[in-house]
Protein backbone atom coordinates (compact mmCIF):
# COMPACT_ATOMS: atom_id res chain seq x y z
CA MET A 1 2.17 -82.36 -135.97
CA THR A 2 3.50 -81.79 -139.47
CA LYS A 3 5.02 -84.60 -141.47
CA VAL A 4 8.82 -84.68 -141.70
CA SER A 5 10.05 -81.65 -143.62
CA GLN A 6 13.08 -81.57 -145.87
CA PHE A 7 13.83 -78.15 -144.34
CA LYS A 8 14.89 -77.79 -140.72
CA THR A 9 14.89 -74.00 -140.37
CA LEU A 10 12.83 -71.22 -141.92
CA VAL A 11 14.61 -67.90 -142.39
CA ILE A 12 12.12 -65.10 -142.94
CA LEU A 13 13.81 -62.43 -145.04
CA ASP A 14 12.90 -58.84 -145.84
CA LEU A 15 14.79 -56.03 -147.56
CA GLU A 16 14.30 -52.31 -147.82
CA THR A 17 16.06 -50.72 -150.78
CA THR A 18 16.76 -47.50 -152.65
CA GLY A 19 13.95 -48.07 -155.14
CA LEU A 20 12.20 -50.44 -157.50
CA VAL A 21 13.83 -53.63 -158.68
CA TYR A 22 14.07 -52.23 -162.23
CA ASP A 23 16.34 -49.43 -160.96
CA GLU A 24 19.08 -51.85 -159.86
CA PRO A 25 18.45 -50.91 -156.23
CA LYS A 26 20.86 -51.20 -153.34
CA ILE A 27 19.86 -52.62 -149.97
CA THR A 28 19.32 -50.12 -147.16
CA GLU A 29 17.96 -52.52 -144.51
CA LEU A 30 18.15 -56.30 -144.23
CA ALA A 31 16.32 -58.41 -141.66
CA MET A 32 16.29 -62.15 -141.11
CA ILE A 33 14.32 -64.04 -138.47
CA ALA A 34 15.31 -67.69 -138.17
CA VAL A 35 13.16 -70.28 -136.44
CA GLN A 36 13.40 -74.05 -136.38
CA ILE A 37 10.44 -75.83 -137.90
CA SER A 38 10.34 -78.21 -134.93
CA THR A 39 9.80 -75.17 -132.69
CA LEU A 40 6.82 -74.02 -134.76
CA ASP A 41 5.46 -77.55 -134.83
CA ARG A 42 5.42 -77.81 -131.03
CA MET A 43 3.61 -74.52 -130.51
CA ASP A 44 0.04 -74.26 -129.33
CA THR A 45 -2.41 -73.46 -132.11
CA HIS A 46 -3.38 -70.17 -130.49
CA ASP A 47 0.16 -68.91 -129.99
CA GLU A 48 1.05 -66.33 -132.61
CA LEU A 49 4.86 -66.41 -132.39
CA PRO A 50 7.50 -68.55 -130.69
CA ARG A 51 9.26 -67.08 -127.67
CA VAL A 52 12.69 -67.72 -129.20
CA LEU A 53 13.27 -65.72 -132.38
CA ASN A 54 16.79 -65.49 -133.76
CA LYS A 55 17.21 -62.12 -135.47
CA PHE A 56 19.74 -60.53 -137.79
CA VAL A 57 18.98 -56.88 -138.60
CA THR A 58 21.38 -54.42 -140.15
CA TYR A 59 21.45 -51.21 -142.20
CA PHE A 60 23.65 -50.15 -145.10
CA ASN A 61 24.89 -47.01 -146.76
CA PRO A 62 23.59 -47.68 -150.28
CA GLU A 63 26.03 -45.22 -151.85
CA LYS A 64 23.32 -44.06 -154.20
CA PRO A 65 20.28 -41.80 -153.76
CA ILE A 66 17.21 -43.32 -152.17
CA ARG A 67 14.17 -42.61 -154.32
CA SER A 68 11.53 -40.45 -152.67
CA LYS A 69 8.85 -43.16 -152.68
CA ALA A 70 11.22 -45.70 -151.11
CA ALA A 71 12.22 -43.14 -148.46
CA GLU A 72 8.55 -42.41 -147.73
CA LEU A 73 7.67 -46.10 -147.30
CA SER A 74 10.70 -47.20 -145.30
CA GLU A 75 11.24 -43.91 -143.43
CA LEU A 76 14.94 -44.24 -144.25
CA ASN A 77 16.93 -41.55 -146.03
CA ASN A 78 20.54 -41.11 -147.11
CA ASP A 79 21.40 -38.85 -144.18
CA MET A 80 20.39 -41.56 -141.69
CA LEU A 81 22.59 -44.13 -143.41
CA ASN A 82 25.69 -42.05 -144.12
CA ASN A 83 27.63 -43.57 -141.22
CA CYS A 84 26.60 -47.14 -142.00
CA ALA A 85 28.95 -49.46 -143.88
CA PRO A 86 27.95 -50.52 -147.40
CA PHE A 87 26.97 -54.12 -148.19
CA SER A 88 30.31 -55.93 -148.50
CA HIS A 89 32.19 -59.19 -148.14
CA ALA A 90 32.17 -58.57 -144.39
CA THR A 91 28.36 -58.51 -144.54
CA ILE A 92 28.35 -61.89 -146.29
CA ILE A 93 30.66 -63.36 -143.64
CA ALA A 94 28.37 -62.06 -140.88
CA MET A 95 25.31 -63.51 -142.63
CA GLU A 96 27.06 -66.85 -143.09
CA SER A 97 27.98 -66.94 -139.41
CA PHE A 98 24.36 -66.28 -138.42
CA LEU A 99 22.87 -68.79 -140.87
CA SER A 100 25.35 -71.58 -140.18
CA SER A 101 24.31 -71.73 -136.51
CA PHE A 102 20.92 -73.31 -137.32
CA PRO A 103 19.95 -76.86 -138.30
CA GLN A 104 20.30 -77.35 -142.04
CA PRO A 105 18.87 -77.24 -144.63
CA LEU A 106 17.48 -73.73 -144.49
CA CYS A 107 14.72 -72.12 -146.51
CA PHE A 108 14.58 -68.38 -147.12
CA VAL A 109 11.02 -67.04 -147.16
CA ALA A 110 10.14 -63.58 -148.48
CA HIS A 111 6.89 -61.92 -149.53
CA ASN A 112 7.23 -61.13 -153.24
CA GLY A 113 10.70 -62.61 -152.95
CA ASN A 114 10.84 -64.02 -156.48
CA ILE A 115 10.53 -60.55 -157.98
CA PHE A 116 12.20 -58.45 -155.31
CA ASP A 117 14.14 -59.78 -152.31
CA PHE A 118 15.83 -62.84 -153.82
CA PRO A 119 17.26 -61.31 -157.02
CA ILE A 120 18.32 -58.15 -155.16
CA LEU A 121 20.09 -60.11 -152.42
CA PHE A 122 21.83 -62.36 -154.94
CA ASN A 123 22.94 -59.32 -156.95
CA GLU A 124 24.36 -57.65 -153.83
CA ILE A 125 26.25 -60.81 -152.87
CA GLN A 126 27.71 -61.19 -156.36
CA CYS A 127 28.78 -57.54 -156.49
CA ALA A 128 30.43 -57.78 -153.06
CA LEU A 129 32.26 -61.01 -153.92
CA ALA A 130 33.48 -59.53 -157.21
CA LYS A 131 35.33 -56.83 -155.27
CA VAL A 132 37.34 -59.35 -153.24
CA VAL A 133 40.92 -59.64 -154.48
CA SER A 134 41.74 -63.34 -154.67
CA ASP A 135 43.48 -65.83 -156.93
CA GLN A 136 40.56 -68.21 -156.49
CA PRO A 137 36.85 -67.61 -157.12
CA ILE A 138 35.08 -66.58 -153.92
CA TYR A 139 31.96 -68.57 -153.07
CA SER A 140 29.20 -68.15 -150.50
CA PHE A 141 26.93 -71.00 -149.42
CA ILE A 142 24.14 -68.42 -149.11
CA THR A 143 23.63 -68.65 -152.88
CA ASP A 144 22.69 -72.34 -152.51
CA ILE A 145 19.97 -71.77 -149.91
CA ALA A 146 16.42 -72.65 -150.98
CA CYS A 147 14.04 -69.72 -151.49
CA ALA A 148 10.24 -69.71 -151.46
CA ASP A 149 7.91 -66.80 -152.17
CA SER A 150 5.00 -66.44 -149.73
CA LEU A 151 3.14 -64.09 -152.08
CA VAL A 152 2.80 -66.85 -154.69
CA PHE A 153 1.69 -69.26 -151.98
CA PHE A 154 -1.03 -66.97 -150.61
CA ARG A 155 -2.37 -66.18 -154.06
CA GLU A 156 -2.90 -69.90 -154.52
CA ILE A 157 -4.33 -70.43 -151.02
CA TYR A 158 -6.86 -67.61 -151.42
CA ARG A 159 -7.83 -68.85 -154.87
CA LEU A 160 -8.58 -72.28 -153.40
CA LEU A 161 -10.45 -70.79 -150.46
CA ASN A 162 -12.60 -68.65 -152.75
CA GLU A 163 -13.38 -71.63 -154.96
CA ALA A 164 -14.42 -73.66 -151.92
CA GLU A 165 -16.66 -70.87 -150.61
CA ASN A 166 -18.40 -70.55 -153.95
CA VAL A 167 -19.07 -74.24 -154.53
CA ALA A 168 -22.52 -75.04 -153.14
CA ILE A 169 -25.24 -77.53 -153.94
CA THR A 170 -28.50 -75.72 -154.60
CA PRO A 171 -31.42 -77.73 -153.20
CA ILE A 172 -34.39 -78.37 -155.47
CA VAL A 173 -37.37 -76.59 -153.95
CA GLU A 174 -40.85 -76.96 -155.36
CA ILE A 175 -42.17 -73.47 -156.05
CA PRO A 176 -45.95 -73.14 -155.74
CA PRO A 177 -47.83 -71.38 -158.56
CA PRO A 178 -48.42 -67.68 -157.97
CA ALA A 179 -51.70 -66.86 -156.24
CA ILE A 180 -54.22 -64.85 -158.23
CA SER A 181 -54.77 -61.50 -156.58
CA THR A 182 -57.04 -58.64 -157.47
CA THR A 183 -55.12 -56.31 -155.20
CA ARG A 184 -53.11 -53.66 -156.99
CA VAL A 185 -49.40 -54.16 -156.52
CA GLY A 186 -47.82 -50.90 -155.42
CA TYR A 187 -44.14 -51.93 -155.67
CA VAL A 188 -41.87 -54.71 -156.77
CA GLU A 189 -39.20 -56.12 -154.45
CA ILE A 190 -35.88 -56.53 -156.21
CA PRO A 191 -33.44 -58.85 -154.45
CA ILE A 192 -30.14 -57.21 -153.61
CA LYS A 193 -27.19 -59.11 -155.00
CA ALA A 194 -24.98 -60.37 -152.21
CA GLU A 195 -21.40 -59.23 -152.29
CA SER A 196 -19.21 -61.89 -153.86
CA THR A 197 -16.91 -63.65 -151.43
CA ALA A 198 -14.55 -64.20 -154.32
CA ALA A 199 -13.75 -60.51 -154.59
CA LYS A 200 -10.07 -60.02 -155.17
CA CYS A 201 -8.21 -59.86 -151.86
CA SER A 202 -5.24 -57.59 -151.37
CA MET A 203 -2.01 -59.54 -151.11
CA LYS A 204 -0.19 -56.82 -149.18
CA LEU A 205 1.41 -58.41 -146.16
CA VAL A 206 -0.22 -56.17 -143.55
CA GLN A 207 -3.68 -56.79 -145.03
CA ILE A 208 -3.18 -60.56 -145.09
CA TYR A 209 -2.20 -60.29 -141.42
CA GLU A 210 -5.33 -58.28 -140.58
CA ARG A 211 -7.57 -60.78 -142.39
CA GLU A 212 -5.96 -63.78 -140.72
CA PHE A 213 -6.00 -62.39 -137.18
CA ASN A 214 -9.11 -60.22 -137.56
CA ARG A 215 -7.36 -57.23 -136.04
CA SER A 216 -4.98 -54.45 -136.92
CA THR A 217 -1.32 -54.71 -136.00
CA LEU A 218 1.07 -52.40 -134.21
CA LEU A 219 3.82 -53.69 -136.48
CA GLN A 220 4.77 -51.28 -139.23
CA ALA A 221 4.92 -52.24 -142.89
CA HIS A 222 8.17 -51.51 -144.73
CA ARG A 223 10.25 -51.91 -141.61
CA ALA A 224 12.17 -55.04 -142.43
CA GLU A 225 12.05 -56.67 -138.99
CA ASP A 226 8.33 -55.95 -138.58
CA ASP A 227 7.58 -57.38 -142.02
CA CYS A 228 9.46 -60.56 -141.08
CA THR A 229 7.51 -60.83 -137.83
CA MET A 230 4.15 -60.44 -139.57
CA LEU A 231 5.01 -63.00 -142.22
CA LEU A 232 6.18 -65.57 -139.68
CA ALA A 233 2.97 -65.20 -137.66
CA ILE A 234 0.86 -65.78 -140.78
CA LEU A 235 2.88 -68.74 -142.06
CA LYS A 236 2.69 -70.44 -138.68
CA ARG A 237 -1.09 -70.75 -139.23
CA TYR A 238 -0.53 -72.54 -142.54
CA LEU A 239 2.59 -74.47 -141.60
CA PRO A 240 1.81 -77.96 -143.04
CA ASP A 241 0.50 -76.49 -146.29
CA TRP A 242 3.35 -74.01 -146.52
CA LEU A 243 6.02 -76.69 -146.08
CA GLU A 244 4.42 -78.97 -148.64
CA TRP A 245 4.11 -76.12 -151.12
CA ALA A 246 7.66 -74.85 -150.47
CA HIS A 247 9.11 -78.31 -151.11
CA GLU A 248 7.62 -78.29 -154.60
CA HIS A 249 8.17 -74.65 -155.54
CA HIS A 250 11.44 -73.49 -153.99
CA GLN A 251 14.43 -72.33 -156.01
CA VAL A 252 17.99 -71.84 -154.82
CA LEU A 253 19.12 -68.23 -154.46
CA LYS A 254 21.64 -68.44 -157.29
CA SER A 255 18.82 -69.20 -159.73
CA PHE A 256 17.80 -65.54 -159.36
CA SER A 257 20.85 -64.55 -161.35
CA SER A 258 19.49 -61.38 -162.90
CA LEU A 259 17.28 -58.53 -161.79
CA PRO A 260 13.88 -58.35 -163.50
CA GLN A 261 13.70 -55.96 -166.43
CA ILE A 262 10.79 -53.85 -167.66
CA SER A 263 9.04 -55.85 -170.36
CA ARG A 264 8.62 -54.16 -173.73
CA THR A 265 6.24 -56.79 -175.08
CA PRO A 266 2.60 -57.44 -174.15
CA LYS A 267 2.04 -60.02 -171.44
CA VAL A 268 0.81 -63.43 -172.54
CA PHE A 269 -1.29 -65.22 -169.98
CA SER A 270 -1.09 -69.00 -169.95
CA PRO A 271 -3.49 -71.37 -168.14
CA LYS A 272 -2.76 -71.72 -164.46
CA ASN A 273 -1.35 -75.03 -163.24
CA THR A 274 -3.38 -76.64 -160.49
CA VAL A 275 -1.52 -76.88 -157.19
CA ASN A 276 -2.62 -79.59 -154.78
CA ILE A 277 -2.87 -78.07 -151.31
CA LYS A 278 -4.46 -80.59 -148.99
CA ARG A 279 -5.03 -78.73 -145.78
CA PRO A 280 -5.83 -75.03 -146.19
CA LEU A 281 -6.56 -73.68 -142.72
CA LYS A 282 -10.03 -72.35 -143.50
CA LEU A 283 -11.37 -75.04 -145.81
């Protein structure tokens, strides 16, 4: 049983787009899977997903060319989407109708959301609202929904797990003096260095899933609904830690007010703040 959460519903979010975030991409596919935290909390430890999953999945005509790499990953191209409607005010109304049917407050969750999904979604909403002819400013409550990035969370979780695995107390063992031998030594045994458990783990969603469940998945990466399903299954295993972390690190959607730009200056790395995560699953 998790302690009382400030959030009542998690909304797993994933987008497929026309290209990289630096190209001012347009959304081609949007998926949301909403699940009440109380539902996750009541589940058996061994159950991967709840039976009841509320889904919102839709496709858009991006009205701009889909880059070849994006088309390859998502298996979506412009021809497939020609008859779809573009992202519009009607889309926002449909999303609001879906999201308002769940216990509030909500929390959007996306893998690499801080850099990709959240700013792109906010930008699409703002562009769609700007096209609405009205004497009054048009507002959507979606922009006030909390957002938390699972990629940042798992980087921290795996860092803590690796630190725990590498902290060991070496026992003091009395080593006897070497015996004197007149026998000629024909070879020298060199100990083989064990592979470090702290080797950098891939943070790709499908590879996190395979590590956590120790098996491959039939779900397909870069299909928005499948990505949401994988992420929900993983987060369910870390639910108390995830909720505690999300409470401290979430931002509302409207705080992602601009798309990331390509930096022209060298990166400066600052010391990492310590995050207190009390109950990592594997510690």
